[in-house]
PDB file of N, CA and C in Angstrom:
ATOM      1  N   UNK A   1     -37.744  35.322  11.341  1.00  0.00           N
ATOM      2  CA  UNK A   1     -39.037  35.774  10.855  1.00  0.00           C
ATOM      3  C   UNK A   1     -38.828  37.071  10.063  1.00  0.00           C
ATOM      4  N   UNK A   2     -39.425  37.119   8.911  1.00  0.00           N
ATOM      5  CA  UNK A   2     -39.276  38.303   8.065  1.00  0.00           C
ATOM      6  C   UNK A   2     -40.224  39.409   8.516  1.00  0.00           C
ATOM      7  N   UNK A   3     -39.965  40.615   8.029  1.00  0.00           N
ATOM      8  CA  UNK A   3     -40.849  41.740   8.330  1.00  0.00           C
ATOM      9  C   UNK A   3     -42.255  41.485   7.798  1.00  0.00           C
ATOM     10  N   UNK A   4     -42.340  40.853   6.630  1.00  0.00           N
ATOM     11  CA  UNK A   4     -43.644  40.551   6.039  1.00  0.00           C
ATOM     12  C   UNK A   4     -44.426  39.576   6.922  1.00  0.00           C
ATOM     13  N   UNK A   5     -43.751  38.553   7.412  1.00  0.00           N
ATOM     14  CA  UNK A   5     -44.395  37.580   8.281  1.00  0.00           C
ATOM     15  C   UNK A   5     -44.860  38.238   9.573  1.00  0.00           C
ATOM     16  N   UNK A   6     -44.018  39.066  10.162  1.00  0.00           N
ATOM     17  CA  UNK A   6     -44.388  39.787  11.383  1.00  0.00           C
ATOM     18  C   UNK A   6     -45.601  40.670  11.147  1.00  0.00           C
ATOM     19  N   UNK A   7     -45.627  41.330   9.999  1.00  0.00           N
ATOM     20  CA  UNK A   7     -46.769  42.181   9.657  1.00  0.00           C
ATOM     21  C   UNK A   7     -48.047  41.355   9.533  1.00  0.00           C
ATOM     22  N   UNK A   8     -47.961  40.212   8.866  1.00  0.00           N
ATOM     23  CA  UNK A   8     -49.139  39.355   8.706  1.00  0.00           C
ATOM     24  C   UNK A   8     -49.656  38.868  10.057  1.00  0.00           C
ATOM     25  N   UNK A   9     -48.756  38.483  10.930  1.00  0.00           N
ATOM     26  CA  UNK A   9     -49.156  37.996  12.254  1.00  0.00           C
ATOM     27  C   UNK A   9     -49.776  39.128  13.072  1.00  0.00           C
ATOM     28  N   UNK A  10     -49.143  40.288  13.071  1.00  0.00           N
ATOM     29  CA  UNK A  10     -49.681  41.426  13.817  1.00  0.00           C
ATOM     30  C   UNK A  10     -51.065  41.825  13.307  1.00  0.00           C
ATOM     31  N   UNK A  11     -51.234  41.827  11.999  1.00  0.00           N
ATOM     32  CA  UNK A  11     -52.530  42.164  11.407  1.00  0.00           C
ATOM     33  C   UNK A  11     -53.582  41.133  11.785  1.00  0.00           C
ATOM     34  N   UNK A  12     -53.197  39.877  11.780  1.00  0.00           N
ATOM     35  CA  UNK A  12     -54.114  38.804  12.139  1.00  0.00           C
ATOM     36  C   UNK A  12     -54.546  38.927  13.593  1.00  0.00           C
ATOM     37  N   UNK A  13     -53.602  39.175  14.483  1.00  0.00           N
ATOM     38  CA  UNK A  13     -53.921  39.347  15.909  1.00  0.00           C
ATOM     39  C   UNK A  13     -54.877  40.523  16.095  1.00  0.00           C
ATOM     40  N   UNK A  14     -54.613  41.606  15.397  1.00  0.00           N
ATOM     41  CA  UNK A  14     -55.476  42.787  15.483  1.00  0.00           C
ATOM     42  C   UNK A  14     -56.905  42.459  15.040  1.00  0.00           C
ATOM     43  N   UNK A  15     -57.038  41.736  13.936  1.00  0.00           N
ATOM     44  CA  UNK A  15     -58.360  41.373  13.435  1.00  0.00           C
ATOM     45  C   UNK A  15     -59.079  40.409  14.374  1.00  0.00           C
ATOM     46  N   UNK A  16     -58.340  39.452  14.924  1.00  0.00           N
ATOM     47  CA  UNK A  16     -58.942  38.502  15.859  1.00  0.00           C
ATOM     48  C   UNK A  16     -59.435  39.216  17.112  1.00  0.00           C
ATOM     49  N   UNK A  17     -58.613  40.096  17.652  1.00  0.00           N
ATOM     50  CA  UNK A  17     -58.991  40.833  18.856  1.00  0.00           C
ATOM     51  C   UNK A  17     -60.195  41.734  18.582  1.00  0.00           C
ATOM     52  N   UNK A  18     -60.205  42.375  17.447  1.00  0.00           N
ATOM     53  CA  UNK A  18     -61.322  43.246  17.083  1.00  0.00           C
ATOM     54  C   UNK A  18     -62.633  42.465  17.007  1.00  0.00           C
ATOM     55  N   UNK A  19     -62.575  41.291  16.414  1.00  0.00           N
ATOM     56  CA  UNK A  19     -63.767  40.450  16.296  1.00  0.00           C
ATOM     57  C   UNK A  19     -64.233  39.966  17.675  1.00  0.00           C
ATOM     58  N   UNK A  20     -63.289  39.639  18.551  1.00  0.00           N
ATOM     59  CA  UNK A  20     -63.649  39.229  19.913  1.00  0.00           C
ATOM     60  C   UNK A  20     -64.349  40.360  20.655  1.00  0.00           C
ATOM     61  N   UNK A  21     -63.843  41.573  20.515  1.00  0.00           N
ATOM     62  CA  UNK A  21     -64.463  42.738  21.158  1.00  0.00           C
ATOM     63  C   UNK A  21     -65.901  42.884  20.674  1.00  0.00           C
ATOM     64  N   UNK A  22     -66.080  42.739  19.388  1.00  0.00           N
ATOM     65  CA  UNK A  22     -67.406  42.885  18.782  1.00  0.00           C
ATOM     66  C   UNK A  22     -68.363  41.771  19.212  1.00  0.00           C
ATOM     67  N   UNK A  23     -67.924  40.523  19.129  1.00  0.00           N
ATOM     68  CA  UNK A  23     -68.811  39.385  19.369  1.00  0.00           C
ATOM     69  C   UNK A  23     -69.036  39.065  20.848  1.00  0.00           C
ATOM     70  N   UNK A  24     -68.008  39.260  21.666  1.00  0.00           N
ATOM     71  CA  UNK A  24     -68.105  38.885  23.080  1.00  0.00           C
ATOM     72  C   UNK A  24     -68.271  40.088  24.003  1.00  0.00           C
ATOM     73  N   UNK A  25     -68.269  41.289  23.408  1.00  0.00           N
ATOM     74  CA  UNK A  25     -68.439  42.535  24.163  1.00  0.00           C
ATOM     75  C   UNK A  25     -67.465  42.622  25.333  1.00  0.00           C
ATOM     76  N   UNK A  26     -66.188  42.420  25.017  1.00  0.00           N
ATOM     77  CA  UNK A  26     -65.123  42.530  26.008  1.00  0.00           C
ATOM     78  C   UNK A  26     -64.217  43.687  25.607  1.00  0.00           C
ATOM     79  N   UNK A  27     -63.347  44.087  26.516  1.00  0.00           N
ATOM     80  CA  UNK A  27     -62.440  45.196  26.233  1.00  0.00           C
ATOM     81  C   UNK A  27     -61.308  44.737  25.305  1.00  0.00           C
ATOM     82  N   UNK A  28     -60.645  45.702  24.721  1.00  0.00           N
ATOM     83  CA  UNK A  28     -59.513  45.399  23.842  1.00  0.00           C
ATOM     84  C   UNK A  28     -58.407  44.665  24.607  1.00  0.00           C
ATOM     85  N   UNK A  29     -58.028  45.127  25.813  1.00  0.00           N
ATOM     86  CA  UNK A  29     -56.993  44.376  26.542  1.00  0.00           C
ATOM     87  C   UNK A  29     -57.405  42.929  26.845  1.00  0.00           C
ATOM     88  N   UNK A  30     -58.670  42.706  27.168  1.00  0.00           N
ATOM     89  CA  UNK A  30     -59.144  41.345  27.420  1.00  0.00           C
ATOM     90  C   UNK A  30     -59.060  40.505  26.150  1.00  0.00           C
ATOM     91  N   UNK A  31     -59.436  41.098  25.032  1.00  0.00           N
ATOM     92  CA  UNK A  31     -59.402  40.386  23.752  1.00  0.00           C
ATOM     93  C   UNK A  31     -57.964  40.025  23.381  1.00  0.00           C
ATOM     94  N   UNK A  32     -57.065  40.961  23.541  1.00  0.00           N
ATOM     95  CA  UNK A  32     -55.656  40.690  23.226  1.00  0.00           C
ATOM     96  C   UNK A  32     -55.099  39.608  24.144  1.00  0.00           C
ATOM     97  N   UNK A  33     -55.478  39.646  25.414  1.00  0.00           N
ATOM     98  CA  UNK A  33     -55.030  38.613  26.351  1.00  0.00           C
ATOM     99  C   UNK A  33     -55.527  37.241  25.918  1.00  0.00           C
ATOM    100  N   UNK A  34     -56.783  37.175  25.488  1.00  0.00           N
ATOM    101  CA  UNK A  34     -57.329  35.904  24.998  1.00  0.00           C
ATOM    102  C   UNK A  34     -56.542  35.388  23.804  1.00  0.00           C
ATOM    103  N   UNK A  35     -56.262  36.276  22.870  1.00  0.00           N
ATOM    104  CA  UNK A  35     -55.530  35.864  21.666  1.00  0.00           C
ATOM    105  C   UNK A  35     -54.119  35.410  22.018  1.00  0.00           C
ATOM    106  N   UNK A  36     -53.391  36.255  22.756  1.00  0.00           N
ATOM    107  CA  UNK A  36     -51.988  35.950  23.041  1.00  0.00           C
ATOM    108  C   UNK A  36     -51.801  34.724  23.934  1.00  0.00           C
ATOM    109  N   UNK A  37     -52.812  34.390  24.733  1.00  0.00           N
ATOM    110  CA  UNK A  37     -52.712  33.233  25.622  1.00  0.00           C
ATOM    111  C   UNK A  37     -53.373  31.978  25.057  1.00  0.00           C
ATOM    112  N   UNK A  38     -53.760  32.025  23.809  1.00  0.00           N
ATOM    113  CA  UNK A  38     -54.466  30.894  23.191  1.00  0.00           C
ATOM    114  C   UNK A  38     -53.498  29.891  22.568  1.00  0.00           C
ATOM    115  N   UNK A  39     -53.992  28.671  22.422  1.00  0.00           N
ATOM    116  CA  UNK A  39     -53.244  27.651  21.678  1.00  0.00           C
ATOM    117  C   UNK A  39     -53.100  28.088  20.225  1.00  0.00           C
ATOM    118  N   UNK A  40     -54.139  28.748  19.725  1.00  0.00           N
ATOM    119  CA  UNK A  40     -54.110  29.207  18.337  1.00  0.00           C
ATOM    120  C   UNK A  40     -52.923  30.135  18.099  1.00  0.00           C
ATOM    121  N   UNK A  41     -52.676  31.062  19.024  1.00  0.00           N
ATOM    122  CA  UNK A  41     -51.560  31.987  18.848  1.00  0.00           C
ATOM    123  C   UNK A  41     -50.241  31.225  18.780  1.00  0.00           C
ATOM    124  N   UNK A  42     -50.098  30.211  19.619  1.00  0.00           N
ATOM    125  CA  UNK A  42     -48.885  29.391  19.567  1.00  0.00           C
ATOM    126  C   UNK A  42     -48.732  28.759  18.192  1.00  0.00           C
ATOM    127  N   UNK A  43     -49.840  28.291  17.638  1.00  0.00           N
ATOM    128  CA  UNK A  43     -49.794  27.659  16.319  1.00  0.00           C
ATOM    129  C   UNK A  43     -49.540  28.689  15.213  1.00  0.00           C
ATOM    130  N   UNK A  44     -50.093  29.882  15.372  1.00  0.00           N
ATOM    131  CA  UNK A  44     -49.836  30.949  14.404  1.00  0.00           C
ATOM    132  C   UNK A  44     -48.351  31.295  14.400  1.00  0.00           C
ATOM    133  N   UNK A  45     -47.749  31.348  15.584  1.00  0.00           N
ATOM    134  CA  UNK A  45     -46.330  31.689  15.693  1.00  0.00           C
ATOM    135  C   UNK A  45     -45.420  30.575  15.178  1.00  0.00           C
ATOM    136  N   UNK A  46     -45.933  29.355  15.103  1.00  0.00           N
ATOM    137  CA  UNK A  46     -45.187  28.242  14.507  1.00  0.00           C
ATOM    138  C   UNK A  46     -45.375  28.344  12.994  1.00  0.00           C
ATOM    139  N   UNK A  47     -44.427  28.939  12.333  1.00  0.00           N
ATOM    140  CA  UNK A  47     -44.578  29.253  10.916  1.00  0.00           C
ATOM    141  C   UNK A  47     -44.807  28.025  10.048  1.00  0.00           C
ATOM    142  N   UNK A  48     -44.417  26.870  10.528  1.00  0.00           N
ATOM    143  CA  UNK A  48     -44.608  25.643   9.746  1.00  0.00           C
ATOM    144  C   UNK A  48     -46.086  25.279   9.589  1.00  0.00           C
ATOM    145  N   UNK A  49     -46.944  25.773  10.493  1.00  0.00           N
ATOM    146  CA  UNK A  49     -48.379  25.465  10.375  1.00  0.00           C
ATOM    147  C   UNK A  49     -49.019  26.243   9.228  1.00  0.00           C
ATOM    148  N   UNK A  50     -48.453  27.393   8.906  1.00  0.00           N
ATOM    149  CA  UNK A  50     -49.014  28.221   7.842  1.00  0.00           C
ATOM    150  C   UNK A  50     -50.266  28.976   8.253  1.00  0.00           C
ATOM    151  N   UNK A  51     -50.650  28.908   9.532  1.00  0.00           N
ATOM    152  CA  UNK A  51     -51.870  29.589   9.966  1.00  0.00           C
ATOM    153  C   UNK A  51     -51.767  31.105   9.855  1.00  0.00           C
ATOM    154  N   UNK A  52     -50.565  31.641   9.986  1.00  0.00           N
ATOM    155  CA  UNK A  52     -50.392  33.090   9.880  1.00  0.00           C
ATOM    156  C   UNK A  52     -50.781  33.583   8.488  1.00  0.00           C
ATOM    157  N   UNK A  53     -50.799  32.698   7.532  1.00  0.00           N
ATOM    158  CA  UNK A  53     -51.079  33.032   6.147  1.00  0.00           C
ATOM    159  C   UNK A  53     -52.554  32.820   5.791  1.00  0.00           C
ATOM    160  N   UNK A  54     -53.308  32.208   6.693  1.00  0.00           N
ATOM    161  CA  UNK A  54     -54.739  31.958   6.464  1.00  0.00           C
ATOM    162  C   UNK A  54     -55.542  33.212   6.798  1.00  0.00           C
ATOM    163  N   UNK A  55     -56.788  33.223   6.370  1.00  0.00           N
ATOM    164  CA  UNK A  55     -57.636  34.391   6.599  1.00  0.00           C
ATOM    165  C   UNK A  55     -57.960  34.557   8.080  1.00  0.00           C
ATOM    166  N   UNK A  56     -58.299  35.788   8.445  1.00  0.00           N
ATOM    167  CA  UNK A  56     -58.716  36.071   9.820  1.00  0.00           C
ATOM    168  C   UNK A  56     -59.995  35.301  10.136  1.00  0.00           C
ATOM    169  N   UNK A  57     -60.878  35.184   9.159  1.00  0.00           N
ATOM    170  CA  UNK A  57     -62.138  34.467   9.369  1.00  0.00           C
ATOM    171  C   UNK A  57     -61.876  33.001   9.726  1.00  0.00           C
ATOM    172  N   UNK A  58     -60.979  32.377   9.003  1.00  0.00           N
ATOM    173  CA  UNK A  58     -60.630  30.975   9.265  1.00  0.00           C
ATOM    174  C   UNK A  58     -60.041  30.833  10.667  1.00  0.00           C
ATOM    175  N   UNK A  59     -59.085  31.691  10.988  1.00  0.00           N
ATOM    176  CA  UNK A  59     -58.449  31.632  12.300  1.00  0.00           C
ATOM    177  C   UNK A  59     -59.423  31.981  13.419  1.00  0.00           C
ATOM    178  N   UNK A  60     -60.343  32.885  13.149  1.00  0.00           N
ATOM    179  CA  UNK A  60     -61.323  33.254  14.170  1.00  0.00           C
ATOM    180  C   UNK A  60     -62.223  32.064  14.512  1.00  0.00           C
ATOM    181  N   UNK A  61     -62.587  31.296  13.531  1.00  0.00           N
ATOM    182  CA  UNK A  61     -63.406  30.109  13.802  1.00  0.00           C
ATOM    183  C   UNK A  61     -62.634  29.115  14.669  1.00  0.00           C
ATOM    184  N   UNK A  62     -61.349  28.973  14.433  1.00  0.00           N
ATOM    185  CA  UNK A  62     -60.521  28.116  15.279  1.00  0.00           C
ATOM    186  C   UNK A  62     -60.464  28.664  16.706  1.00  0.00           C
ATOM    187  N   UNK A  63     -60.333  29.979  16.824  1.00  0.00           N
ATOM    188  CA  UNK A  63     -60.270  30.608  18.139  1.00  0.00           C
ATOM    189  C   UNK A  63     -61.594  30.460  18.880  1.00  0.00           C
ATOM    190  N   UNK A  64     -62.698  30.650  18.187  1.00  0.00           N
ATOM    191  CA  UNK A  64     -64.014  30.472  18.823  1.00  0.00           C
ATOM    192  C   UNK A  64     -64.180  29.041  19.326  1.00  0.00           C
ATOM    193  N   UNK A  65     -63.731  28.084  18.550  1.00  0.00           N
ATOM    194  CA  UNK A  65     -63.815  26.685  18.961  1.00  0.00           C
ATOM    195  C   UNK A  65     -62.959  26.464  20.209  1.00  0.00           C
ATOM    196  N   UNK A  66     -61.778  27.047  20.223  1.00  0.00           N
ATOM    197  CA  UNK A  66     -60.901  26.909  21.388  1.00  0.00           C
ATOM    198  C   UNK A  66     -61.531  27.542  22.629  1.00  0.00           C
ATOM    199  N   UNK A  67     -62.135  28.698  22.467  1.00  0.00           N
ATOM    200  CA  UNK A  67     -62.788  29.366  23.605  1.00  0.00           C
ATOM    201  C   UNK A  67     -63.948  28.513  24.125  1.00  0.00           C
ATOM    202  N   UNK A  68     -64.714  27.954  23.220  1.00  0.00           N
ATOM    203  CA  UNK A  68     -65.893  27.188  23.612  1.00  0.00           C
ATOM    204  C   UNK A  68     -65.530  25.828  24.217  1.00  0.00           C
ATOM    205  N   UNK A  69     -64.565  25.141  23.629  1.00  0.00           N
ATOM    206  CA  UNK A  69     -64.260  23.761  24.027  1.00  0.00           C
ATOM    207  C   UNK A  69     -62.911  23.586  24.735  1.00  0.00           C
ATOM    208  N   UNK A  70     -62.125  24.661  24.834  1.00  0.00           N
ATOM    209  CA  UNK A  70     -60.854  24.586  25.530  1.00  0.00           C
ATOM    210  C   UNK A  70     -59.700  24.049  24.711  1.00  0.00           C
ATOM    211  N   UNK A  71     -59.963  23.762  23.432  1.00  0.00           N
ATOM    212  CA  UNK A  71     -58.895  23.305  22.553  1.00  0.00           C
ATOM    213  C   UNK A  71     -59.276  23.564  21.107  1.00  0.00           C
ATOM    214  N   UNK A  72     -58.281  23.554  20.268  1.00  0.00           N
ATOM    215  CA  UNK A  72     -58.517  23.739  18.835  1.00  0.00           C
ATOM    216  C   UNK A  72     -59.019  22.424  18.254  1.00  0.00           C
ATOM    217  N   UNK A  73     -59.914  22.533  17.313  1.00  0.00           N
ATOM    218  CA  UNK A  73     -60.493  21.334  16.694  1.00  0.00           C
ATOM    219  C   UNK A  73     -59.446  20.424  16.125  1.00  0.00           C
TER     220      UNK A  73
END
């Protein structure tokens, strides 16, 4: 994994966690735990999916779906 890819993933995780804190009124550690333990995070880390390169908004919608239904659409 390149430094650029790591930066994109870290930035994406930060944005996802921030949005979770805002929308679900949870703490930052809880939000990070949700992100890191999600199926979405596994898919983001699989560089072949290209999800790390998609917008935070797109990934957040996938994460919200996973939280609501227990799986990614």
